[in-house]
Amino acid sequence: MIISDSQDNPPPPLGEDYYHHGVIVKLFPSNNMGVVRTESGREVRFSYDLVILSGEAKTPLDLREGERIGYDLGWTSGGLRITKIKTYPRSAG
């Protein structure tokens, strides 16, 4: 009997990936920055110019306050910042 790889390794359900998860709580387009609340309740900033986007959003202007996201963190000269944001389909969130 042959079992396909898709049955052995199904893709993770939406939101169950290797990213941390949080919610965008503030966006400041005039300052090119935003703030994400982590699952632990901490608020971490990100810069529109430095963040790498994946998923549904193609530019920082596609991001919305209250939107659930996946993110990754990194250290910058300004301290801990969000370096990657993954957005999910809004209809599924």
Protein backbone atom coordinates (compact mmCIF):
# COMPACT_ATOMS: atom_id res chain seq x y z
CA MET A 1 0.00 0.00 0.00
CA ILE A 2 1.33 3.44 -0.94
CA ILE A 3 0.45 6.39 1.26
CA SER A 4 0.89 9.82 -0.24
CA ASP A 5 3.07 12.44 1.41
CA SER A 6 0.06 14.71 1.89
CA GLN A 7 -1.45 12.17 4.30
CA ASP A 8 1.85 11.66 6.13
CA ASN A 9 2.61 15.38 6.44
CA PRO A 10 -0.59 17.39 6.14
CA PRO A 11 -0.15 21.18 6.16
CA PRO A 12 -0.74 22.78 9.56
CA PRO A 13 -4.18 24.29 10.17
CA LEU A 14 -4.46 28.05 9.65
CA GLY A 15 -2.57 29.96 12.30
CA GLU A 16 -0.73 26.87 13.50
CA ASP A 17 2.62 27.60 11.94
CA TYR A 18 6.05 28.43 13.28
CA TYR A 19 5.29 32.12 13.86
CA HIS A 20 4.44 33.76 17.17
CA HIS A 21 0.87 35.11 17.07
CA GLY A 22 -0.48 38.50 18.03
CA VAL A 23 -2.81 41.33 17.08
CA ILE A 24 -2.02 44.66 15.44
CA VAL A 25 -3.19 47.24 17.98
CA LYS A 26 -1.91 50.50 16.49
CA LEU A 27 -0.81 51.72 13.08
CA PHE A 28 0.89 55.05 12.51
CA PRO A 29 1.17 55.49 8.71
CA SER A 30 2.52 59.04 9.04
CA ASN A 31 5.40 57.68 11.17
CA ASN A 32 5.81 54.44 9.15
CA MET A 33 5.36 52.26 12.22
CA GLY A 34 2.92 50.03 14.06
CA VAL A 35 2.47 48.12 17.31
CA VAL A 36 1.58 44.46 17.84
CA ARG A 37 0.27 42.99 21.11
CA THR A 38 1.83 39.59 21.68
CA GLU A 39 0.04 36.59 23.20
CA SER A 40 1.67 37.47 26.53
CA GLY A 41 0.26 41.02 26.38
CA ARG A 42 3.52 42.81 25.58
CA GLU A 43 3.40 45.54 22.92
CA VAL A 44 6.23 45.41 20.35
CA ARG A 45 6.84 47.95 17.61
CA PHE A 46 7.66 47.45 13.96
CA SER A 47 8.82 49.77 11.21
CA TYR A 48 7.08 49.75 7.83
CA ASP A 49 10.50 50.21 6.21
CA LEU A 50 12.16 47.27 7.94
CA VAL A 51 9.44 44.62 8.33
CA ILE A 52 9.24 41.70 5.88
CA LEU A 53 5.66 40.84 4.90
CA SER A 54 4.27 37.48 3.82
CA GLY A 55 0.79 36.12 3.36
CA GLU A 56 -2.18 38.24 2.29
CA ALA A 57 -0.69 41.73 2.89
CA LYS A 58 1.60 42.93 0.13
CA THR A 59 2.42 46.36 1.62
CA PRO A 60 2.22 47.78 5.15
CA LEU A 61 -0.80 49.80 4.01
CA ASP A 62 -2.71 46.48 3.68
CA LEU A 63 -2.39 45.90 7.45
CA ARG A 64 -5.40 46.66 9.69
CA GLU A 65 -5.76 47.40 13.39
CA GLY A 66 -7.32 44.40 15.15
CA GLU A 67 -5.93 41.97 12.57
CA ARG A 68 -4.47 38.69 13.88
CA ILE A 69 -1.00 38.04 12.51
CA GLY A 70 1.99 35.78 12.80
CA TYR A 71 5.29 37.50 13.53
CA ASP A 72 8.98 36.97 14.19
CA LEU A 73 11.21 39.08 16.43
CA GLY A 74 14.70 40.44 16.11
CA TRP A 75 17.05 42.78 17.91
CA THR A 76 17.78 46.14 16.32
CA SER A 77 19.76 49.16 17.48
CA GLY A 78 16.43 50.38 18.91
CA GLY A 79 15.81 47.18 20.87
CA LEU A 80 13.43 44.29 20.28
CA ARG A 81 11.35 44.77 17.12
CA ILE A 82 9.08 42.74 14.88
CA THR A 83 11.05 41.79 11.78
CA LYS A 84 8.52 39.62 9.90
CA ILE A 85 4.73 39.72 9.70
CA LYS A 86 2.57 37.01 8.20
CA THR A 87 -1.05 37.87 7.49
CA TYR A 88 -3.82 35.33 7.07
CA PRO A 89 -6.94 35.34 4.89
CA ARG A 90 -9.48 37.61 6.57
CA SER A 91 -12.44 35.34 5.82
CA ALA A 92 -10.81 32.55 7.85
CA GLY A 93 -9.77 34.78 10.77
